[in-house]
């Protein structure tokens, strides 16, 4: 029997970490977010900063550079991180029931029988306030700054999966964390998990 897994994809500022943490407390299962970055750093030998930069975001020029590479046997750092991500996410899913935030986990585990995949989104103000609080900034990020991060996530997701990152068809459920509280989101997902 496979382990029951929850994957959480999210907009920048969508509350993924907070929902995963509340869900972990509610269900008594571990969640992997920053811990995945640590595991990837150990596996690849790259720094946490590089993993954060290259491991979930496609820089604007990288999408085209990767697409134009003629030698598919040549691997770059991003491909090496992707290969390690695939291995680690699948190993976690085999090891124990858990919650995995980001890292295209919904795609990587799409063939597993017992996966609940969640996409979290919210309005600009909600996302901006969360980002401001998390980064300790004195000002809200602009809508353009938030969109840039989401565009980079979407490009990364599309490049490595051939799927559309924010397409509701790729998820069991999508939740608007601007209209539904973090705790209520955790409750809804926990109810799905218990079915």
N, C-alpha and C. Protein backbone atom coordinates (compact mmCIF):
# COMPACT_ATOMS: atom_id res chain seq x y z
N UNK A 1 0.84 -1.19 0.00
CA UNK A 1 0.00 0.00 0.00
C UNK A 1 0.89 1.25 0.00
N UNK A 2 0.50 2.24 -0.78
CA UNK A 2 1.31 3.46 -0.85
C UNK A 2 0.96 4.40 0.30
N UNK A 3 1.89 5.28 0.60
CA UNK A 3 1.67 6.28 1.64
C UNK A 3 0.74 7.37 1.11
N UNK A 4 -0.03 7.94 1.98
CA UNK A 4 -0.90 9.06 1.61
C UNK A 4 -0.06 10.32 1.63
N UNK A 5 -0.03 11.03 0.52
CA UNK A 5 0.82 12.21 0.35
C UNK A 5 -0.05 13.41 -0.01
N UNK A 6 0.32 14.57 0.50
CA UNK A 6 -0.30 15.83 0.10
C UNK A 6 0.79 16.68 -0.53
N UNK A 7 0.51 17.19 -1.73
CA UNK A 7 1.44 18.14 -2.36
C UNK A 7 0.76 19.50 -2.36
N UNK A 8 1.55 20.53 -2.11
CA UNK A 8 1.03 21.89 -2.11
C UNK A 8 1.86 22.75 -3.06
N UNK A 9 1.20 23.20 -4.12
CA UNK A 9 1.78 24.18 -5.03
C UNK A 9 1.13 25.51 -4.68
N UNK A 10 1.81 26.61 -4.98
CA UNK A 10 1.27 27.89 -4.52
C UNK A 10 1.83 29.06 -5.29
N UNK A 11 1.01 30.11 -5.33
CA UNK A 11 1.50 31.39 -5.82
C UNK A 11 2.47 31.94 -4.78
N UNK A 12 3.32 32.85 -5.22
CA UNK A 12 4.21 33.54 -4.30
C UNK A 12 3.36 34.34 -3.33
N UNK A 13 3.48 34.04 -2.05
CA UNK A 13 2.66 34.69 -1.04
C UNK A 13 1.31 34.01 -0.83
N UNK A 14 1.12 32.87 -1.47
CA UNK A 14 -0.15 32.15 -1.38
C UNK A 14 -0.37 31.42 -0.07
N UNK A 15 0.65 31.33 0.77
CA UNK A 15 0.49 30.71 2.08
C UNK A 15 0.83 29.24 2.13
N UNK A 16 1.59 28.74 1.19
CA UNK A 16 1.91 27.31 1.14
C UNK A 16 2.58 26.79 2.39
N UNK A 17 3.58 27.49 2.87
CA UNK A 17 4.30 27.04 4.07
C UNK A 17 3.36 27.03 5.27
N UNK A 18 2.58 28.08 5.43
CA UNK A 18 1.68 28.19 6.58
C UNK A 18 0.61 27.11 6.56
N UNK A 19 0.03 26.86 5.40
CA UNK A 19 -0.98 25.80 5.29
C UNK A 19 -0.35 24.45 5.57
N UNK A 20 0.83 24.20 5.03
CA UNK A 20 1.52 22.91 5.26
C UNK A 20 1.81 22.72 6.74
N UNK A 21 2.25 23.78 7.40
CA UNK A 21 2.56 23.70 8.82
C UNK A 21 1.30 23.40 9.65
N UNK A 22 0.20 24.11 9.35
CA UNK A 22 -1.06 23.88 10.06
C UNK A 22 -1.59 22.48 9.79
N UNK A 23 -1.45 22.02 8.58
CA UNK A 23 -1.89 20.68 8.19
C UNK A 23 -1.05 19.61 8.86
N UNK A 24 0.24 19.84 8.94
CA UNK A 24 1.15 18.91 9.62
C UNK A 24 0.77 18.77 11.09
N UNK A 25 0.49 19.89 11.74
CA UNK A 25 0.06 19.86 13.15
C UNK A 25 -1.25 19.11 13.30
N UNK A 26 -2.17 19.34 12.38
CA UNK A 26 -3.49 18.73 12.44
C UNK A 26 -3.43 17.21 12.20
N UNK A 27 -2.62 16.79 11.24
CA UNK A 27 -2.58 15.38 10.85
C UNK A 27 -1.48 14.58 11.55
N UNK A 28 -0.51 15.28 12.13
CA UNK A 28 0.59 14.59 12.78
C UNK A 28 1.54 13.91 11.80
N UNK A 29 1.68 14.50 10.61
CA UNK A 29 2.63 13.98 9.62
C UNK A 29 3.61 15.09 9.27
N UNK A 30 4.83 14.73 8.86
CA UNK A 30 5.82 15.77 8.56
C UNK A 30 5.51 16.53 7.27
N UNK A 31 6.02 17.75 7.21
CA UNK A 31 5.95 18.48 5.95
C UNK A 31 7.36 18.88 5.55
N UNK A 32 7.56 18.93 4.25
CA UNK A 32 8.87 19.24 3.69
C UNK A 32 8.74 20.47 2.80
N UNK A 33 9.45 21.51 3.19
CA UNK A 33 9.49 22.75 2.43
C UNK A 33 10.96 23.17 2.38
N UNK A 34 11.42 23.91 3.37
CA UNK A 34 12.83 24.29 3.43
C UNK A 34 13.72 23.05 3.61
N UNK A 35 13.19 22.02 4.26
CA UNK A 35 13.95 20.79 4.46
C UNK A 35 14.32 20.14 3.13
N UNK A 36 13.47 20.31 2.13
CA UNK A 36 13.79 19.79 0.79
C UNK A 36 15.01 20.49 0.22
N UNK A 37 15.12 21.79 0.48
CA UNK A 37 16.29 22.53 0.00
C UNK A 37 17.55 21.98 0.67
N UNK A 38 17.47 21.69 1.96
CA UNK A 38 18.62 21.10 2.66
C UNK A 38 18.99 19.75 2.05
N UNK A 39 18.00 18.91 1.79
CA UNK A 39 18.26 17.59 1.21
C UNK A 39 18.87 17.72 -0.19
N UNK A 40 18.36 18.67 -0.97
CA UNK A 40 18.91 18.89 -2.31
C UNK A 40 20.34 19.40 -2.25
N UNK A 41 20.63 20.27 -1.29
CA UNK A 41 22.00 20.78 -1.14
C UNK A 41 22.96 19.64 -0.81
N UNK A 42 22.55 18.74 0.07
CA UNK A 42 23.40 17.60 0.42
C UNK A 42 23.58 16.69 -0.79
N UNK A 43 22.49 16.39 -1.49
CA UNK A 43 22.53 15.46 -2.62
C UNK A 43 23.37 15.98 -3.78
N UNK A 44 23.25 17.28 -4.07
CA UNK A 44 23.93 17.84 -5.25
C UNK A 44 25.28 18.47 -4.94
N UNK A 45 25.49 18.84 -3.67
CA UNK A 45 26.71 19.56 -3.32
C UNK A 45 26.62 21.05 -3.60
N UNK A 46 25.48 21.52 -4.05
CA UNK A 46 25.28 22.95 -4.30
C UNK A 46 24.83 23.65 -3.03
N UNK A 47 25.03 24.95 -2.99
CA UNK A 47 24.62 25.74 -1.82
C UNK A 47 23.10 25.86 -1.76
N UNK A 48 22.61 26.15 -0.56
CA UNK A 48 21.16 26.39 -0.39
C UNK A 48 20.72 27.56 -1.27
N UNK A 49 21.55 28.60 -1.35
CA UNK A 49 21.20 29.77 -2.15
C UNK A 49 21.03 29.40 -3.63
N UNK A 50 21.93 28.57 -4.14
CA UNK A 50 21.82 28.15 -5.53
C UNK A 50 20.59 27.27 -5.73
N UNK A 51 20.34 26.37 -4.80
CA UNK A 51 19.16 25.50 -4.89
C UNK A 51 17.89 26.36 -4.92
N UNK A 52 17.83 27.36 -4.05
CA UNK A 52 16.65 28.22 -4.02
C UNK A 52 16.49 28.98 -5.33
N UNK A 53 17.61 29.39 -5.91
CA UNK A 53 17.56 30.17 -7.15
C UNK A 53 17.23 29.30 -8.36
N UNK A 54 17.87 28.14 -8.45
CA UNK A 54 17.76 27.31 -9.65
C UNK A 54 16.77 26.15 -9.53
N UNK A 55 16.35 25.82 -8.31
CA UNK A 55 15.60 24.59 -8.10
C UNK A 55 14.11 24.66 -8.26
N UNK A 56 13.56 25.84 -8.47
CA UNK A 56 12.11 25.93 -8.64
C UNK A 56 11.72 27.10 -9.54
N UNK A 57 12.71 27.88 -9.92
CA UNK A 57 12.45 29.07 -10.72
C UNK A 57 13.27 29.02 -11.99
N UNK A 58 12.66 29.41 -13.08
CA UNK A 58 13.37 29.51 -14.35
C UNK A 58 13.69 30.98 -14.55
N UNK A 59 14.98 31.30 -14.62
CA UNK A 59 15.36 32.68 -14.93
C UNK A 59 14.87 32.99 -16.34
N UNK A 60 14.60 34.23 -16.61
CA UNK A 60 13.97 34.59 -17.88
C UNK A 60 14.73 34.07 -19.09
N UNK A 61 16.05 34.11 -19.09
CA UNK A 61 16.81 33.62 -20.24
C UNK A 61 17.02 32.12 -20.24
N UNK A 62 16.95 31.48 -19.08
CA UNK A 62 17.24 30.05 -18.99
C UNK A 62 16.27 29.19 -19.77
N UNK A 63 14.99 29.57 -19.82
CA UNK A 63 14.01 28.76 -20.52
C UNK A 63 14.44 28.59 -21.97
N UNK A 64 14.82 29.69 -22.60
CA UNK A 64 15.22 29.63 -24.00
C UNK A 64 16.57 28.96 -24.18
N UNK A 65 17.49 29.22 -23.26
CA UNK A 65 18.81 28.58 -23.36
C UNK A 65 18.67 27.07 -23.19
N UNK A 66 17.86 26.62 -22.25
CA UNK A 66 17.65 25.19 -22.06
C UNK A 66 16.98 24.58 -23.28
N UNK A 67 16.01 25.27 -23.84
CA UNK A 67 15.29 24.75 -25.00
C UNK A 67 16.20 24.67 -26.22
N UNK A 68 17.19 25.56 -26.31
CA UNK A 68 18.07 25.58 -27.48
C UNK A 68 19.29 24.67 -27.36
N UNK A 69 19.52 24.11 -26.19
CA UNK A 69 20.68 23.22 -26.04
C UNK A 69 20.57 22.09 -27.05
N UNK A 70 21.61 21.93 -27.82
CA UNK A 70 21.57 20.87 -28.83
C UNK A 70 22.03 19.55 -28.27
N UNK A 71 22.87 19.57 -27.27
CA UNK A 71 23.37 18.34 -26.68
C UNK A 71 22.58 18.03 -25.42
N UNK A 72 21.57 17.18 -25.53
CA UNK A 72 20.73 16.86 -24.38
C UNK A 72 21.48 16.02 -23.36
N UNK A 73 22.67 15.54 -23.71
CA UNK A 73 23.48 14.79 -22.75
C UNK A 73 24.25 15.74 -21.84
N UNK A 74 24.31 17.00 -22.24
CA UNK A 74 24.96 18.02 -21.42
C UNK A 74 23.97 18.44 -20.33
N UNK A 75 24.40 18.35 -19.10
CA UNK A 75 23.50 18.77 -18.03
C UNK A 75 24.03 20.05 -17.39
N UNK A 76 23.11 20.90 -17.05
CA UNK A 76 23.49 22.11 -16.33
C UNK A 76 23.08 21.95 -14.88
N UNK A 77 23.36 22.95 -14.08
CA UNK A 77 23.04 22.88 -12.65
C UNK A 77 21.55 22.66 -12.43
N UNK A 78 20.74 23.37 -13.21
CA UNK A 78 19.30 23.25 -13.03
C UNK A 78 18.83 21.82 -13.32
N UNK A 79 19.37 21.20 -14.36
CA UNK A 79 19.01 19.81 -14.66
C UNK A 79 19.46 18.86 -13.55
N UNK A 80 20.64 19.11 -13.01
CA UNK A 80 21.14 18.26 -11.92
C UNK A 80 20.25 18.41 -10.68
N UNK A 81 19.84 19.63 -10.39
CA UNK A 81 18.95 19.86 -9.25
C UNK A 81 17.60 19.19 -9.51
N UNK A 82 17.11 19.27 -10.75
CA UNK A 82 15.84 18.63 -11.10
C UNK A 82 15.93 17.11 -10.92
N UNK A 83 17.02 16.52 -11.37
CA UNK A 83 17.19 15.07 -11.21
C UNK A 83 17.21 14.68 -9.73
N UNK A 84 17.90 15.46 -8.92
CA UNK A 84 17.93 15.19 -7.47
C UNK A 84 16.56 15.41 -6.85
N UNK A 85 15.85 16.43 -7.30
CA UNK A 85 14.50 16.70 -6.80
C UNK A 85 13.59 15.51 -7.06
N UNK A 86 13.62 14.98 -8.28
CA UNK A 86 12.78 13.82 -8.61
C UNK A 86 13.05 12.67 -7.66
N UNK A 87 14.32 12.39 -7.45
CA UNK A 87 14.70 11.27 -6.59
C UNK A 87 14.23 11.50 -5.14
N UNK A 88 14.49 12.68 -4.62
CA UNK A 88 14.17 12.97 -3.21
C UNK A 88 12.66 12.98 -2.99
N UNK A 89 11.90 13.63 -3.86
CA UNK A 89 10.44 13.68 -3.70
C UNK A 89 9.86 12.27 -3.75
N UNK A 90 10.29 11.48 -4.70
CA UNK A 90 9.76 10.11 -4.81
C UNK A 90 10.18 9.25 -3.62
N UNK A 91 11.40 9.44 -3.13
CA UNK A 91 11.85 8.70 -1.94
C UNK A 91 11.03 9.08 -0.71
N UNK A 92 10.76 10.36 -0.54
CA UNK A 92 9.93 10.81 0.59
C UNK A 92 8.55 10.17 0.53
N UNK A 93 7.98 10.13 -0.67
CA UNK A 93 6.64 9.56 -0.84
C UNK A 93 6.63 8.07 -0.53
N UNK A 94 7.71 7.38 -0.80
CA UNK A 94 7.80 5.94 -0.48
C UNK A 94 8.00 5.71 1.01
N UNK A 95 8.69 6.64 1.66
CA UNK A 95 9.11 6.46 3.05
C UNK A 95 7.97 6.60 4.05
N UNK A 96 7.13 7.64 3.89
CA UNK A 96 6.13 7.92 4.92
C UNK A 96 5.06 8.86 4.39
N UNK A 97 3.88 8.85 5.02
CA UNK A 97 2.89 9.87 4.68
C UNK A 97 3.49 11.24 5.00
N UNK A 98 3.30 12.21 4.12
CA UNK A 98 3.89 13.52 4.36
C UNK A 98 3.24 14.58 3.48
N UNK A 99 3.64 15.81 3.70
CA UNK A 99 3.20 16.97 2.94
C UNK A 99 4.44 17.55 2.27
N UNK A 100 4.36 17.76 0.96
CA UNK A 100 5.50 18.30 0.22
C UNK A 100 5.08 19.61 -0.43
N UNK A 101 5.82 20.68 -0.14
CA UNK A 101 5.52 22.01 -0.66
C UNK A 101 6.39 22.28 -1.88
N UNK A 102 5.75 22.62 -2.99
CA UNK A 102 6.47 23.02 -4.19
C UNK A 102 7.22 21.89 -4.87
N UNK A 103 8.27 22.25 -5.59
CA UNK A 103 9.18 21.31 -6.26
C UNK A 103 8.49 20.43 -7.30
N UNK A 104 7.38 20.90 -7.88
CA UNK A 104 6.64 20.13 -8.89
C UNK A 104 6.19 18.77 -8.37
N UNK A 105 6.02 18.67 -7.07
CA UNK A 105 5.69 17.38 -6.45
C UNK A 105 4.37 16.83 -6.97
N UNK A 106 3.39 17.70 -7.25
CA UNK A 106 2.13 17.18 -7.79
C UNK A 106 2.35 16.45 -9.11
N UNK A 107 3.26 16.97 -9.93
CA UNK A 107 3.58 16.32 -11.20
C UNK A 107 4.38 15.04 -10.96
N UNK A 108 5.40 15.12 -10.12
CA UNK A 108 6.27 13.97 -9.90
C UNK A 108 5.52 12.78 -9.30
N UNK A 109 4.47 13.06 -8.54
CA UNK A 109 3.73 11.98 -7.88
C UNK A 109 2.36 11.76 -8.52
N UNK A 110 2.15 12.28 -9.71
CA UNK A 110 0.83 12.22 -10.35
C UNK A 110 0.34 10.80 -10.60
N UNK A 111 1.26 9.84 -10.72
CA UNK A 111 0.86 8.45 -10.98
C UNK A 111 0.65 7.65 -9.70
N UNK A 112 1.02 8.23 -8.57
CA UNK A 112 0.79 7.56 -7.29
C UNK A 112 -0.71 7.58 -7.00
N UNK A 113 -1.20 6.50 -6.45
CA UNK A 113 -2.64 6.36 -6.20
C UNK A 113 -3.16 7.32 -5.14
N UNK A 114 -2.41 7.52 -4.11
CA UNK A 114 -2.94 8.18 -2.92
C UNK A 114 -2.33 9.55 -2.68
N UNK A 115 -2.48 10.43 -3.66
CA UNK A 115 -1.93 11.79 -3.56
C UNK A 115 -3.06 12.80 -3.65
N UNK A 116 -3.05 13.73 -2.72
CA UNK A 116 -3.96 14.88 -2.79
C UNK A 116 -3.09 16.06 -3.19
N UNK A 117 -3.38 16.63 -4.35
CA UNK A 117 -2.58 17.77 -4.82
C UNK A 117 -3.41 19.04 -4.68
N UNK A 118 -2.77 20.06 -4.11
CA UNK A 118 -3.44 21.31 -3.76
C UNK A 118 -2.71 22.47 -4.45
N UNK A 119 -3.49 23.43 -4.95
CA UNK A 119 -2.90 24.67 -5.45
C UNK A 119 -3.50 25.82 -4.66
N UNK A 120 -2.64 26.65 -4.07
CA UNK A 120 -3.07 27.79 -3.26
C UNK A 120 -2.81 29.09 -4.02
N UNK A 121 -3.79 29.95 -4.01
CA UNK A 121 -3.67 31.25 -4.66
C UNK A 121 -4.39 32.28 -3.82
N UNK A 122 -4.16 33.54 -4.09
CA UNK A 122 -4.83 34.62 -3.37
C UNK A 122 -4.72 35.90 -4.18
N UNK A 123 -5.46 36.90 -3.75
CA UNK A 123 -5.41 38.21 -4.38
C UNK A 123 -4.07 38.88 -4.09
N UNK A 124 -3.79 39.95 -4.85
CA UNK A 124 -2.51 40.65 -4.72
C UNK A 124 -2.24 41.10 -3.29
N UNK A 125 -3.21 41.77 -2.65
CA UNK A 125 -2.97 42.34 -1.32
C UNK A 125 -2.61 41.25 -0.32
N UNK A 126 -3.35 40.16 -0.33
CA UNK A 126 -3.07 39.06 0.60
C UNK A 126 -1.66 38.51 0.38
N UNK A 127 -1.33 38.23 -0.88
CA UNK A 127 0.00 37.70 -1.18
C UNK A 127 1.09 38.70 -0.80
N UNK A 128 0.89 39.96 -1.15
CA UNK A 128 1.89 40.99 -0.87
C UNK A 128 2.12 41.15 0.63
N UNK A 129 1.05 41.13 1.41
CA UNK A 129 1.20 41.27 2.86
C UNK A 129 1.96 40.08 3.45
N UNK A 130 1.71 38.88 2.94
CA UNK A 130 2.45 37.70 3.43
C UNK A 130 3.93 37.80 3.08
N UNK A 131 4.22 38.22 1.85
CA UNK A 131 5.62 38.35 1.43
C UNK A 131 6.31 39.42 2.27
N UNK A 132 5.64 40.54 2.49
CA UNK A 132 6.21 41.62 3.31
C UNK A 132 6.54 41.11 4.71
N UNK A 133 5.60 40.39 5.30
CA UNK A 133 5.81 39.86 6.66
C UNK A 133 6.96 38.85 6.68
N UNK A 134 6.98 37.95 5.70
CA UNK A 134 8.01 36.91 5.68
C UNK A 134 9.41 37.47 5.44
N UNK A 135 9.49 38.49 4.59
CA UNK A 135 10.82 39.04 4.27
C UNK A 135 11.25 40.13 5.24
N UNK A 136 10.31 40.62 6.07
CA UNK A 136 10.64 41.69 7.00
C UNK A 136 10.79 43.04 6.33
N UNK A 137 10.27 43.16 5.13
CA UNK A 137 10.36 44.42 4.39
C UNK A 137 9.44 45.47 4.99
N UNK A 138 9.77 46.73 4.77
CA UNK A 138 8.91 47.81 5.27
C UNK A 138 7.84 48.18 4.25
N UNK A 139 7.98 47.69 3.02
CA UNK A 139 7.03 48.02 1.96
C UNK A 139 6.47 46.75 1.33
N UNK A 140 5.26 46.88 0.80
CA UNK A 140 4.66 45.77 0.07
C UNK A 140 5.38 45.61 -1.27
N UNK A 141 5.61 44.38 -1.70
CA UNK A 141 6.16 44.19 -3.04
C UNK A 141 5.13 44.63 -4.08
N UNK A 142 5.59 45.07 -5.21
CA UNK A 142 4.67 45.52 -6.26
C UNK A 142 3.98 44.31 -6.90
N UNK A 143 2.85 44.54 -7.55
CA UNK A 143 2.21 43.43 -8.28
C UNK A 143 3.17 42.81 -9.30
N UNK A 144 3.99 43.65 -9.92
CA UNK A 144 4.96 43.14 -10.90
C UNK A 144 5.99 42.21 -10.29
N UNK A 145 6.43 42.52 -9.06
CA UNK A 145 7.39 41.64 -8.38
C UNK A 145 6.78 40.27 -8.10
N UNK A 146 5.54 40.26 -7.64
CA UNK A 146 4.87 38.98 -7.37
C UNK A 146 4.66 38.20 -8.66
N UNK A 147 4.21 38.90 -9.71
CA UNK A 147 3.99 38.22 -11.00
C UNK A 147 5.29 37.65 -11.55
N UNK A 148 6.40 38.36 -11.36
CA UNK A 148 7.69 37.88 -11.87
C UNK A 148 8.05 36.54 -11.24
N UNK A 149 7.89 36.41 -9.92
CA UNK A 149 8.19 35.14 -9.25
C UNK A 149 7.27 34.05 -9.77
N UNK A 150 5.99 34.36 -9.90
CA UNK A 150 5.04 33.36 -10.39
C UNK A 150 5.32 32.97 -11.84
N UNK A 151 5.72 33.93 -12.66
CA UNK A 151 6.08 33.61 -14.06
C UNK A 151 7.28 32.68 -14.11
N UNK A 152 8.26 32.93 -13.24
CA UNK A 152 9.45 32.09 -13.21
C UNK A 152 9.10 30.68 -12.73
N UNK A 153 8.22 30.57 -11.73
CA UNK A 153 7.77 29.25 -11.28
C UNK A 153 7.03 28.53 -12.40
N UNK A 154 6.15 29.26 -13.08
CA UNK A 154 5.36 28.67 -14.16
C UNK A 154 6.26 28.20 -15.30
N UNK A 155 7.28 28.99 -15.63
CA UNK A 155 8.20 28.61 -16.71
C UNK A 155 8.99 27.37 -16.34
N UNK A 156 9.46 27.30 -15.10
CA UNK A 156 10.19 26.12 -14.61
C UNK A 156 9.29 24.89 -14.70
N UNK A 157 8.09 25.02 -14.18
CA UNK A 157 7.14 23.91 -14.16
C UNK A 157 6.85 23.43 -15.58
N UNK A 158 6.59 24.36 -16.47
CA UNK A 158 6.29 24.03 -17.86
C UNK A 158 7.48 23.35 -18.54
N UNK A 159 8.68 23.88 -18.32
CA UNK A 159 9.87 23.33 -18.96
C UNK A 159 10.10 21.88 -18.56
N UNK A 160 9.97 21.58 -17.26
CA UNK A 160 10.29 20.23 -16.79
C UNK A 160 9.10 19.27 -16.80
N UNK A 161 7.88 19.77 -16.94
CA UNK A 161 6.72 18.87 -16.86
C UNK A 161 5.86 18.85 -18.12
N UNK A 162 5.95 19.86 -18.95
CA UNK A 162 5.05 20.05 -20.09
C UNK A 162 3.60 20.25 -19.66
N UNK A 163 3.41 20.66 -18.43
CA UNK A 163 2.08 20.97 -17.91
C UNK A 163 2.02 22.46 -17.56
N UNK A 164 0.80 22.95 -17.36
CA UNK A 164 0.61 24.35 -16.96
C UNK A 164 0.50 24.40 -15.44
N UNK A 165 1.36 25.17 -14.82
CA UNK A 165 1.51 25.22 -13.37
C UNK A 165 0.23 25.56 -12.64
N UNK A 166 -0.50 26.57 -13.08
CA UNK A 166 -1.68 27.01 -12.34
C UNK A 166 -3.00 26.52 -12.94
N UNK A 167 -2.96 25.47 -13.73
CA UNK A 167 -4.16 24.89 -14.32
C UNK A 167 -4.85 24.01 -13.28
N UNK A 168 -6.07 24.36 -12.93
CA UNK A 168 -6.81 23.63 -11.88
C UNK A 168 -6.95 22.14 -12.19
N UNK A 169 -6.91 21.77 -13.46
CA UNK A 169 -7.05 20.34 -13.82
C UNK A 169 -5.88 19.50 -13.32
N UNK A 170 -4.77 20.15 -12.97
CA UNK A 170 -3.60 19.42 -12.48
C UNK A 170 -3.64 19.17 -10.98
N UNK A 171 -4.72 19.56 -10.32
CA UNK A 171 -4.80 19.49 -8.86
C UNK A 171 -6.11 18.85 -8.41
N UNK A 172 -6.07 18.24 -7.25
CA UNK A 172 -7.28 17.71 -6.63
C UNK A 172 -8.19 18.86 -6.23
N UNK A 173 -7.59 19.92 -5.68
CA UNK A 173 -8.35 21.07 -5.20
C UNK A 173 -7.50 22.33 -5.28
N UNK A 174 -8.15 23.45 -5.56
CA UNK A 174 -7.48 24.75 -5.47
C UNK A 174 -8.22 25.56 -4.42
N UNK A 175 -7.48 26.33 -3.65
CA UNK A 175 -8.06 27.13 -2.57
C UNK A 175 -7.54 28.55 -2.63
N UNK A 176 -8.44 29.51 -2.42
CA UNK A 176 -8.10 30.92 -2.39
C UNK A 176 -7.83 31.31 -0.94
N UNK A 177 -6.56 31.45 -0.59
CA UNK A 177 -6.19 31.74 0.80
C UNK A 177 -6.44 33.20 1.18
N UNK A 178 -6.91 33.99 0.24
CA UNK A 178 -7.35 35.34 0.55
C UNK A 178 -8.79 35.35 1.06
N UNK A 179 -9.54 34.33 0.68
CA UNK A 179 -10.95 34.22 1.09
C UNK A 179 -11.16 33.13 2.14
N UNK A 180 -10.28 32.14 2.15
CA UNK A 180 -10.37 31.02 3.10
C UNK A 180 -9.14 31.10 4.00
N UNK A 181 -9.35 31.12 5.31
CA UNK A 181 -8.23 31.27 6.24
C UNK A 181 -7.26 30.09 6.13
N UNK A 182 -6.05 30.30 6.60
CA UNK A 182 -5.03 29.24 6.61
C UNK A 182 -5.56 28.03 7.37
N UNK A 183 -6.14 28.25 8.54
CA UNK A 183 -6.67 27.13 9.35
C UNK A 183 -7.80 26.41 8.65
N UNK A 184 -8.68 27.16 7.99
CA UNK A 184 -9.80 26.53 7.28
C UNK A 184 -9.28 25.73 6.09
N UNK A 185 -8.27 26.26 5.39
CA UNK A 185 -7.65 25.50 4.29
C UNK A 185 -7.10 24.18 4.82
N UNK A 186 -6.39 24.25 5.95
CA UNK A 186 -5.84 23.03 6.56
C UNK A 186 -6.96 22.07 6.92
N UNK A 187 -8.06 22.58 7.44
CA UNK A 187 -9.20 21.73 7.81
C UNK A 187 -9.80 21.05 6.57
N UNK A 188 -9.98 21.81 5.50
CA UNK A 188 -10.55 21.26 4.26
C UNK A 188 -9.66 20.16 3.70
N UNK A 189 -8.36 20.43 3.64
CA UNK A 189 -7.42 19.44 3.11
C UNK A 189 -7.36 18.22 4.02
N UNK A 190 -7.38 18.44 5.32
CA UNK A 190 -7.38 17.31 6.27
C UNK A 190 -8.62 16.45 6.10
N UNK A 191 -9.76 17.08 5.84
CA UNK A 191 -10.99 16.31 5.58
C UNK A 191 -10.82 15.44 4.33
N UNK A 192 -10.24 16.00 3.28
CA UNK A 192 -9.97 15.21 2.07
C UNK A 192 -9.02 14.06 2.38
N UNK A 193 -8.01 14.34 3.17
CA UNK A 193 -7.01 13.34 3.54
C UNK A 193 -7.66 12.18 4.30
N UNK A 194 -8.66 12.50 5.12
CA UNK A 194 -9.32 11.48 5.93
C UNK A 194 -10.32 10.63 5.18
N UNK A 195 -10.67 11.02 3.96
CA UNK A 195 -11.67 10.26 3.20
C UNK A 195 -11.09 8.99 2.62
